[in-house]
Amino acid sequence: MATERLSSILSHVTGGNKSGINAITQKHPDDVVITLAIRTPLAKGGKGGFKDTPLDGMVYKLLVQVLKRANLDPQMIEDICLGNVSDAKAAYYVRAASLAAGFPNTTGASSCNRFCSSGLKAVQDIANQIAMGSIDCGLALGAEHMTTGGDRLTRPFVDEILNSGVQDAVDCMQPMGQTSENVGRDFEISREAQDRYSAESYARAEQAQKAGWFDDEIVPISVNLKDPKTGEEKSVTLTKDEGPRWGTTYEGLSKIRPAFSQYGDRSTGGNSSQVTDGAAAILLMRRSKAEEMRQPILAKFVGATVAGLAPRIMGIGPSIAIPKLLAKFKINLEDCDVIELNEAFASMAVYCLNTLKLDHAKMNPRGGAIALGHPLGCTGARQIVTGLSEARRTKKKILLTSMCIGTGQGMAGLFVNEQL
């Protein structure tokens, strides 16, 4: 069923379509544009640089950096939306953090949660408000403190759901590791293919980090770190992602034991995304407003969409969402120059790479979540920051982002780099 649906959608995006590209690259006064895109370093969950800086602390520190770098009167930013998965108090935190950082009480704040797409969902929320004329300028954030945890179910669903006879409803309880093993087994994605893909992700992240490609997207964040043995605190400034493990090889990855052995033997700690803390920020406004305020226009937000599929194979969500999005704008994959596809697990990344027939050179050129980490609510925004940085570096134009979503969904976003 999923294969038939994918084939149907793909049929709409085969062949070139210059009119589609011309349409999305045109500039209009009411376009939604991005004028700032920054992120924190990504730190290892539980033991990294943000382990003692909770969600509200990370958000506050990033908001301070936004105001420092935006060269904009904070009163011009009318709303802030924070994408976050694990903390039910996120709306409290983003509101309080924005006020403490220097935003006026006239600037609104909210949080949203669509699991791993929450950062992109926040961007879509702000962009839609601008497009509808509700606001002229807004800020989208994505942030996750996975050190704290809280994203897993704490009880089974109620009997009415479990006994409904709808297997998809029951499957929404499946842990993410189980869904990864389902994808690997159902679509014959071998352990070797997953480990080889992951080794390449690590190699790309290593190359990018050594070359300084991340430097223009990361802002330094000062934090207090507590020694777990002595309790002594010291101040440190975080400047680099902690996830990349230089020198990682296929041979090394192939020796790691399966992480979800009760479900299968293909997904491991080496070919799955890392548990990570981090935050990202995207400042959006109407093009006419950006020009009026002489703001640098980094990119145009074209659009985003969501698609659903069977929860038990949620990982293949991008393979459904991407064709749906491209069909809406009458372009195809060959038109996309940089593709940021979240590596929740190598199983789904390899599936999407092969099924969509993506050019691997275009996909995650700086490595992905396997090497960099996947702070759940942050990733959807982080991909935009990284993708636009790469597009600027390589003078490329069209950025496509996508991710799978727990409970069986996929989301994708489309952007035009204007810093050529």
Protein backbone atom coordinates (compact mmCIF):
# COMPACT_ATOMS: atom_id res chain seq x y z
CA MET A 1 0.00 0.00 0.00
CA ALA A 2 2.76 2.42 0.99
CA THR A 3 4.72 1.54 -2.17
CA GLU A 4 1.69 2.14 -4.40
CA ARG A 5 1.05 5.48 -2.74
CA LEU A 6 4.70 6.51 -3.16
CA SER A 7 4.64 5.55 -6.85
CA SER A 8 1.50 7.61 -7.38
CA ILE A 9 3.00 10.69 -5.77
CA LEU A 10 6.36 10.28 -7.53
CA SER A 11 4.58 10.24 -10.88
CA HIS A 12 3.73 13.89 -10.36
CA VAL A 13 7.35 14.99 -10.00
CA THR A 14 9.16 13.16 -12.77
CA GLY A 15 10.87 15.19 -15.44
CA GLY A 16 12.11 18.77 -15.30
CA ASN A 17 9.85 21.74 -14.74
CA LYS A 18 11.51 25.09 -15.25
CA SER A 19 8.26 26.95 -14.70
CA GLY A 20 8.13 25.58 -11.16
CA ILE A 21 11.66 26.75 -10.40
CA ASN A 22 10.99 30.14 -11.96
CA ALA A 23 7.89 30.54 -9.83
CA ILE A 24 9.52 29.77 -6.49
CA THR A 25 12.65 31.84 -7.17
CA GLN A 26 10.79 35.01 -8.10
CA LYS A 27 10.84 37.79 -5.52
CA HIS A 28 7.67 39.47 -4.30
CA PRO A 29 7.07 42.03 -1.53
CA ASP A 30 4.84 39.61 0.40
CA ASP A 31 7.34 36.72 0.36
CA VAL A 32 8.25 35.19 3.73
CA VAL A 33 12.02 35.48 4.09
CA ILE A 34 14.68 34.43 6.59
CA THR A 35 16.99 37.14 7.87
CA LEU A 36 18.86 35.24 10.59
CA ALA A 37 19.57 31.54 11.07
CA ILE A 38 21.79 30.46 13.97
CA ARG A 39 22.17 27.58 16.38
CA THR A 40 23.98 26.46 19.48
CA PRO A 41 26.63 23.77 19.35
CA LEU A 42 25.07 20.31 19.72
CA ALA A 43 26.12 18.67 22.99
CA LYS A 44 26.00 15.06 24.13
CA GLY A 45 22.93 14.30 26.21
CA GLY A 46 23.59 13.43 29.84
CA LYS A 47 27.31 14.16 29.81
CA GLY A 48 27.95 17.04 27.41
CA GLY A 49 28.23 20.78 27.62
CA PHE A 50 24.51 21.43 28.20
CA LYS A 51 23.92 18.72 30.80
CA ASP A 52 23.56 21.34 33.56
CA THR A 53 21.73 23.91 31.42
CA PRO A 54 18.03 23.00 31.24
CA LEU A 55 15.64 23.88 28.43
CA ASP A 56 14.79 27.38 29.64
CA GLY A 57 18.49 28.12 30.08
CA MET A 58 19.36 27.04 26.54
CA VAL A 59 16.45 29.00 25.07
CA TYR A 60 17.36 32.12 27.05
CA LYS A 61 21.00 31.98 25.97
CA LEU A 62 20.06 31.55 22.31
CA LEU A 63 17.52 34.39 22.46
CA VAL A 64 20.22 36.67 23.82
CA GLN A 65 22.34 35.78 20.80
CA VAL A 66 19.41 36.45 18.45
CA LEU A 67 19.01 39.99 19.76
CA LYS A 68 22.76 40.51 19.69
CA ARG A 69 23.04 39.51 16.03
CA ALA A 70 19.73 40.59 14.48
CA ASN A 71 20.41 44.34 14.52
CA LEU A 72 16.69 44.80 15.07
CA ASP A 73 14.46 46.52 17.62
CA PRO A 74 13.00 43.61 19.66
CA GLN A 75 9.59 45.29 19.49
CA MET A 76 9.49 44.47 15.77
CA ILE A 77 9.35 40.72 16.55
CA GLU A 78 5.67 40.09 17.16
CA ASP A 79 5.62 36.40 18.03
CA ILE A 80 7.97 33.57 19.00
CA CYS A 81 7.22 29.87 18.52
CA LEU A 82 9.34 27.16 20.14
CA GLY A 83 9.35 23.63 18.76
CA ASN A 84 9.95 21.16 21.58
CA VAL A 85 9.00 17.54 22.16
CA SER A 86 9.71 16.47 25.71
CA ASP A 87 8.79 19.31 28.06
CA ALA A 88 5.14 20.13 28.73
CA LYS A 89 6.29 23.40 30.30
CA ALA A 90 7.99 24.63 27.13
CA ALA A 91 5.41 27.41 26.63
CA TYR A 92 6.21 28.77 30.11
CA TYR A 93 9.93 28.62 29.43
CA VAL A 94 9.95 30.35 26.05
CA ARG A 95 7.73 33.17 27.30
CA ALA A 96 9.80 33.79 30.43
CA ALA A 97 13.11 33.39 28.59
CA SER A 98 12.08 35.87 25.89
CA LEU A 99 11.17 38.51 28.47
CA ALA A 100 14.40 37.97 30.40
CA ALA A 101 16.45 38.14 27.19
CA GLY A 102 15.11 41.58 26.32
CA PHE A 103 11.97 41.08 24.28
CA PRO A 104 9.07 43.35 25.31
CA ASN A 105 5.91 41.93 26.86
CA THR A 106 4.12 42.82 23.62
CA THR A 107 5.97 39.97 21.85
CA GLY A 108 3.95 36.77 22.08
CA ALA A 109 5.33 33.30 22.70
CA SER A 110 4.10 29.74 22.31
CA SER A 111 5.35 26.19 21.89
CA CYS A 112 4.45 23.46 19.42
CA ASN A 113 5.08 19.73 19.22
CA ARG A 114 5.02 17.43 16.22
CA PHE A 115 7.78 15.21 17.52
CA CYS A 116 10.96 15.34 15.42
CA SER A 117 9.56 17.94 13.01
CA SER A 118 8.76 20.42 15.81
CA GLY A 119 11.48 22.88 14.76
CA LEU A 120 10.19 22.95 11.18
CA LYS A 121 6.62 23.11 12.51
CA ALA A 122 7.58 26.25 14.46
CA VAL A 123 9.03 27.81 11.28
CA GLN A 124 5.83 26.92 9.42
CA ASP A 125 3.71 28.45 12.19
CA ILE A 126 5.53 31.78 12.08
CA ALA A 127 5.69 31.77 8.26
CA ASN A 128 1.97 31.09 7.99
CA GLN A 129 1.19 33.97 10.34
CA ILE A 130 3.28 36.28 8.18
CA ALA A 131 1.72 34.99 4.95
CA MET A 132 -1.79 35.49 6.36
CA GLY A 133 -1.02 39.04 7.48
CA SER A 134 -1.36 38.29 11.19
CA ILE A 135 2.20 39.49 11.85
CA ASP A 136 5.05 41.01 9.83
CA CYS A 137 7.95 39.49 11.77
CA GLY A 138 8.39 36.47 14.01
CA LEU A 139 10.97 34.11 15.45
CA ALA A 140 10.93 30.32 15.23
CA LEU A 141 12.98 28.22 17.62
CA GLY A 142 13.66 24.55 17.99
CA ALA A 143 15.19 23.26 21.22
CA GLU A 144 15.54 20.03 23.14
CA HIS A 145 17.22 19.08 26.40
CA MET A 146 17.39 15.32 25.98
CA THR A 147 19.46 15.10 29.14
CA THR A 148 16.19 15.69 30.99
CA GLY A 149 14.24 13.21 28.85
CA GLY A 150 10.46 12.93 28.96
CA ASP A 151 9.60 12.06 25.36
CA ARG A 152 8.53 8.47 26.05
CA LEU A 153 5.08 7.24 27.01
CA THR A 154 4.61 6.66 30.71
CA ARG A 155 1.55 4.39 30.41
CA PRO A 156 -0.29 2.35 27.78
CA PHE A 157 -3.11 3.95 25.80
CA VAL A 158 -6.64 3.57 27.18
CA ASP A 159 -8.56 0.38 26.47
CA GLU A 160 -10.79 2.08 23.90
CA ILE A 161 -7.70 2.68 21.74
CA LEU A 162 -5.94 -0.61 22.42
CA ASN A 163 -9.11 -2.63 21.79
CA SER A 164 -10.31 -0.56 18.83
CA GLY A 165 -9.21 -3.13 16.29
CA VAL A 166 -7.19 -0.44 14.52
CA GLN A 167 -3.63 -1.77 14.42
CA ASP A 168 -2.16 1.60 13.40
CA ALA A 169 -3.53 3.12 16.60
CA VAL A 170 -1.92 0.40 18.71
CA ASP A 171 1.33 0.70 16.77
CA CYS A 172 1.68 4.31 17.90
CA MET A 173 3.07 2.80 21.09
CA GLN A 174 5.99 1.14 19.32
CA PRO A 175 9.37 2.51 20.48
CA MET A 176 11.40 4.26 17.79
CA GLY A 177 14.04 1.54 17.86
CA GLN A 178 11.40 -1.05 17.05
CA THR A 179 10.18 0.99 14.08
CA SER A 180 13.75 1.19 12.81
CA GLU A 181 14.10 -2.57 12.95
CA ASN A 182 10.74 -2.86 11.15
CA VAL A 183 12.07 -0.71 8.31
CA GLY A 184 15.32 -2.66 8.11
CA ARG A 185 13.52 -6.01 8.02
CA ASP A 186 10.50 -5.07 5.86
CA PHE A 187 12.59 -3.33 3.19
CA GLU A 188 15.73 -5.48 3.48
CA ILE A 189 18.10 -2.73 4.56
CA SER A 190 21.06 -4.79 5.73
CA ARG A 191 23.22 -4.11 8.77
CA GLU A 192 26.17 -3.64 6.43
CA ALA A 193 24.34 -1.03 4.36
CA GLN A 194 23.39 0.85 7.51
CA ASP A 195 26.91 0.79 8.93
CA ARG A 196 28.48 1.88 5.64
CA TYR A 197 26.02 4.76 5.36
CA SER A 198 26.80 5.80 8.95
CA ALA A 199 30.55 5.72 8.39
CA GLU A 200 30.04 8.17 5.53
CA SER A 201 27.95 10.46 7.76
CA TYR A 202 30.76 10.53 10.31
CA ALA A 203 33.37 11.15 7.61
CA ARG A 204 31.42 14.09 6.22
CA ALA A 205 30.88 15.63 9.64
CA GLU A 206 34.59 15.26 10.38
CA GLN A 207 35.54 16.94 7.12
CA ALA A 208 33.08 19.78 7.71
CA GLN A 209 34.22 20.33 11.28
CA LYS A 210 37.91 20.30 10.39
CA ALA A 211 37.29 22.74 7.52
CA GLY A 212 35.30 25.12 9.71
CA TRP A 213 32.12 24.83 7.65
CA PHE A 214 29.94 24.92 10.76
CA ASP A 215 31.52 28.09 12.12
CA ASP A 216 29.11 30.57 10.51
CA GLU A 217 26.02 28.74 11.79
CA ILE A 218 27.10 28.12 15.41
CA VAL A 219 27.06 30.85 18.05
CA PRO A 220 29.25 30.40 21.15
CA ILE A 221 27.29 29.70 24.33
CA SER A 222 28.77 30.09 27.82
CA VAL A 223 27.50 27.66 30.46
CA ASN A 224 28.31 26.46 33.97
CA LEU A 225 29.37 22.82 34.13
CA LYS A 226 29.21 20.82 37.34
CA ASP A 227 31.77 18.11 38.04
CA PRO A 228 29.69 14.97 38.81
CA LYS A 229 32.26 13.73 41.34
CA THR A 230 33.16 16.89 43.26
CA GLY A 231 30.16 19.10 42.55
CA GLU A 232 32.53 21.90 41.62
CA GLU A 233 31.24 24.30 38.96
CA LYS A 234 33.27 25.93 36.22
CA SER A 235 32.36 28.25 33.38
CA VAL A 236 33.04 27.07 29.84
CA THR A 237 32.16 28.38 26.38
CA LEU A 238 30.78 25.84 23.92
CA THR A 239 31.79 26.46 20.31
CA LYS A 240 31.74 23.08 18.51
CA ASP A 241 29.42 20.11 18.08
CA GLU A 242 30.33 17.23 20.37
CA GLY A 243 28.83 14.41 18.29
CA PRO A 244 31.37 13.88 15.51
CA ARG A 245 33.81 11.09 16.33
CA TRP A 246 36.82 11.63 14.11
CA GLY A 247 38.26 8.51 12.57
CA THR A 248 35.05 6.48 12.73
CA THR A 249 35.18 3.61 10.24
CA TYR A 250 32.82 0.99 8.88
CA GLU A 251 34.97 -1.68 10.52
CA GLY A 252 34.55 -0.02 13.91
CA LEU A 253 30.82 0.47 13.50
CA SER A 254 30.32 -3.14 12.40
CA LYS A 255 31.55 -4.37 15.79
CA ILE A 256 28.92 -2.50 17.83
CA ARG A 257 26.19 -4.66 19.33
CA PRO A 258 22.54 -4.20 18.33
CA ALA A 259 20.77 -1.59 20.45
CA PHE A 260 17.27 -3.04 20.20
CA SER A 261 17.93 -6.77 20.23
CA GLN A 262 14.39 -7.61 21.33
CA TYR A 263 13.18 -6.26 17.97
CA GLY A 264 16.05 -7.05 15.58
CA ASP A 265 19.80 -6.97 15.04
CA ARG A 266 20.45 -4.18 12.53
CA SER A 267 20.15 -0.88 14.44
CA THR A 268 22.97 0.03 16.83
CA GLY A 269 24.26 2.97 18.83
CA GLY A 270 26.64 3.59 15.93
CA ASN A 271 24.11 3.71 13.10
CA SER A 272 21.34 5.55 14.97
CA SER A 273 21.02 9.24 15.81
CA GLN A 274 22.67 10.44 19.00
CA VAL A 275 20.93 11.65 22.18
CA THR A 276 21.69 15.34 22.11
CA ASP A 277 20.98 18.76 23.65
CA GLY A 278 20.77 21.84 21.44
CA ALA A 279 18.75 24.76 20.06
CA ALA A 280 18.35 26.70 16.80
CA ALA A 281 16.67 29.97 15.81
CA ILE A 282 15.19 31.24 12.52
CA LEU A 283 14.09 34.88 12.19
CA LEU A 284 11.39 35.38 9.55
CA MET A 285 9.62 38.43 8.17
CA ARG A 286 7.77 39.75 5.15
CA ARG A 287 10.21 40.67 2.38
CA SER A 288 8.91 44.26 2.21
CA LYS A 289 9.49 44.62 5.96
CA ALA A 290 13.00 43.17 5.70
CA GLU A 291 13.88 45.61 2.94
CA GLU A 292 12.34 48.50 4.84
CA MET A 293 14.47 47.68 7.90
CA ARG A 294 17.55 46.89 5.78
CA GLN A 295 17.79 43.37 7.08
CA PRO A 296 20.01 40.85 5.24
CA ILE A 297 17.79 38.39 3.36
CA LEU A 298 19.33 34.94 3.64
CA ALA A 299 16.59 32.91 2.04
CA LYS A 300 12.98 32.67 1.00
CA PHE A 301 10.62 30.26 2.77
CA VAL A 302 8.70 28.53 -0.02
CA GLY A 303 6.55 26.11 1.93
CA ALA A 304 6.28 22.97 4.04
CA THR A 305 3.91 20.04 4.25
CA VAL A 306 3.19 16.95 6.33
CA ALA A 307 2.18 13.45 5.28
CA GLY A 308 1.03 10.42 7.24
CA LEU A 309 1.84 6.72 6.93
CA ALA A 310 1.77 3.52 8.96
CA PRO A 311 3.25 4.18 12.44
CA ARG A 312 5.25 0.93 12.49
CA ILE A 313 7.41 2.16 9.59
CA MET A 314 7.40 5.83 10.54
CA GLY A 315 11.05 6.17 9.45
CA ILE A 316 10.20 6.23 5.75
CA GLY A 317 8.07 9.36 6.23
CA PRO A 318 10.37 11.60 4.14
CA SER A 319 9.79 9.34 1.13
CA ILE A 320 6.11 10.32 1.31
CA ALA A 321 6.43 13.97 2.40
CA ILE A 322 9.11 15.01 -0.10
CA PRO A 323 7.26 14.05 -3.31
CA LYS A 324 4.08 15.61 -1.89
CA LEU A 325 5.84 18.92 -1.24
CA LEU A 326 7.67 19.03 -4.56
CA ALA A 327 4.46 18.27 -6.46
CA LYS A 328 2.78 21.26 -4.82
CA PHE A 329 5.43 23.57 -6.26
CA LYS A 330 5.86 21.71 -9.56
CA ILE A 331 9.57 20.98 -9.13
CA ASN A 332 11.51 17.74 -8.91
CA LEU A 333 14.39 16.33 -6.91
CA GLU A 334 16.91 17.23 -9.61
CA ASP A 335 16.04 20.89 -8.97
CA CYS A 336 17.10 20.60 -5.31
CA ASP A 337 20.75 21.49 -4.66
CA VAL A 338 21.11 20.71 -0.96
CA ILE A 339 19.01 18.08 0.82
CA GLU A 340 18.99 17.87 4.61
CA LEU A 341 17.27 14.59 5.49
CA ASN A 342 17.27 13.71 9.17
CA GLU A 343 19.15 10.54 10.00
CA ALA A 344 16.96 9.27 12.83
CA PHE A 345 18.27 5.82 11.97
CA ALA A 346 20.45 4.57 9.14
CA SER A 347 17.66 2.16 8.20
CA MET A 348 15.32 4.98 7.18
CA ALA A 349 18.09 7.13 5.72
CA VAL A 350 19.22 4.33 3.39
CA TYR A 351 15.61 3.55 2.47
CA CYS A 352 14.85 7.18 1.57
CA LEU A 353 18.15 7.58 -0.29
CA ASN A 354 17.46 4.52 -2.43
CA THR A 355 13.71 4.81 -2.88
CA LEU A 356 13.71 8.47 -3.87
CA LYS A 357 16.90 7.89 -5.90
CA LEU A 358 18.53 10.86 -4.20
CA ASP A 359 21.95 12.09 -5.24
CA HIS A 360 23.96 11.14 -2.14
CA ALA A 361 26.41 13.97 -2.79
CA LYS A 362 23.55 16.43 -2.23
CA MET A 363 22.14 14.69 0.84
CA ASN A 364 23.57 15.73 4.20
CA PRO A 365 26.89 16.96 2.76
CA ARG A 366 28.07 17.88 6.28
CA GLY A 367 26.87 14.64 7.82
CA GLY A 368 23.57 14.17 9.61
CA ALA A 369 22.04 13.21 12.94
CA ILE A 370 24.01 9.97 13.20
CA ALA A 371 27.22 11.99 13.44
CA LEU A 372 25.96 15.35 14.70
CA GLY A 373 23.11 14.36 17.01
CA HIS A 374 19.34 14.72 16.99
CA PRO A 375 17.91 17.02 19.68
CA LEU A 376 14.31 16.15 18.86
CA GLY A 377 12.57 19.53 18.79
CA CYS A 378 15.66 21.32 17.52
CA THR A 379 16.41 19.27 14.42
CA GLY A 380 13.76 20.75 12.11
CA ALA A 381 15.21 24.22 12.67
CA ARG A 382 18.82 23.03 12.82
CA GLN A 383 18.55 21.48 9.36
CA ILE A 384 17.55 24.87 7.92
CA VAL A 385 20.49 26.62 9.59
CA THR A 386 22.95 23.99 8.37
CA GLY A 387 21.42 23.69 4.91
CA LEU A 388 21.46 27.42 4.27
CA SER A 389 25.05 27.65 5.47
CA GLU A 390 26.03 24.91 3.03
CA ALA A 391 24.07 26.57 0.21
CA ARG A 392 25.93 29.83 0.84
CA ARG A 393 29.29 28.06 0.92
CA THR A 394 28.70 26.24 -2.35
CA LYS A 395 26.66 28.99 -4.07
CA LYS A 396 23.67 26.69 -4.46
CA LYS A 397 20.07 27.83 -4.59
CA ILE A 398 17.38 25.29 -3.60
CA LEU A 399 17.34 23.72 -0.12
CA LEU A 400 15.06 20.80 0.76
CA THR A 401 14.70 19.57 4.35
CA SER A 402 12.81 16.55 5.64
CA MET A 403 12.43 14.23 8.59
CA CYS A 404 10.45 11.24 9.78
CA ILE A 405 8.06 11.70 12.68
CA GLY A 406 7.08 9.29 15.46
CA THR A 407 3.57 7.77 15.22
CA GLY A 408 3.88 7.62 11.44
CA GLN A 409 4.34 10.96 9.72
CA GLY A 410 6.86 12.80 7.58
CA MET A 411 7.43 16.51 7.00
CA ALA A 412 9.38 18.46 4.41
CA GLY A 413 10.31 22.11 3.88
CA LEU A 414 11.51 24.06 0.83
CA PHE A 415 13.72 27.16 0.78
CA VAL A 416 15.53 29.35 -1.75
CA ASN A 417 19.00 30.61 -0.79
CA GLU A 418 19.41 34.28 -1.75
CA GLN A 419 23.05 34.66 -0.66
CA LEU A 420 24.62 33.62 -3.94
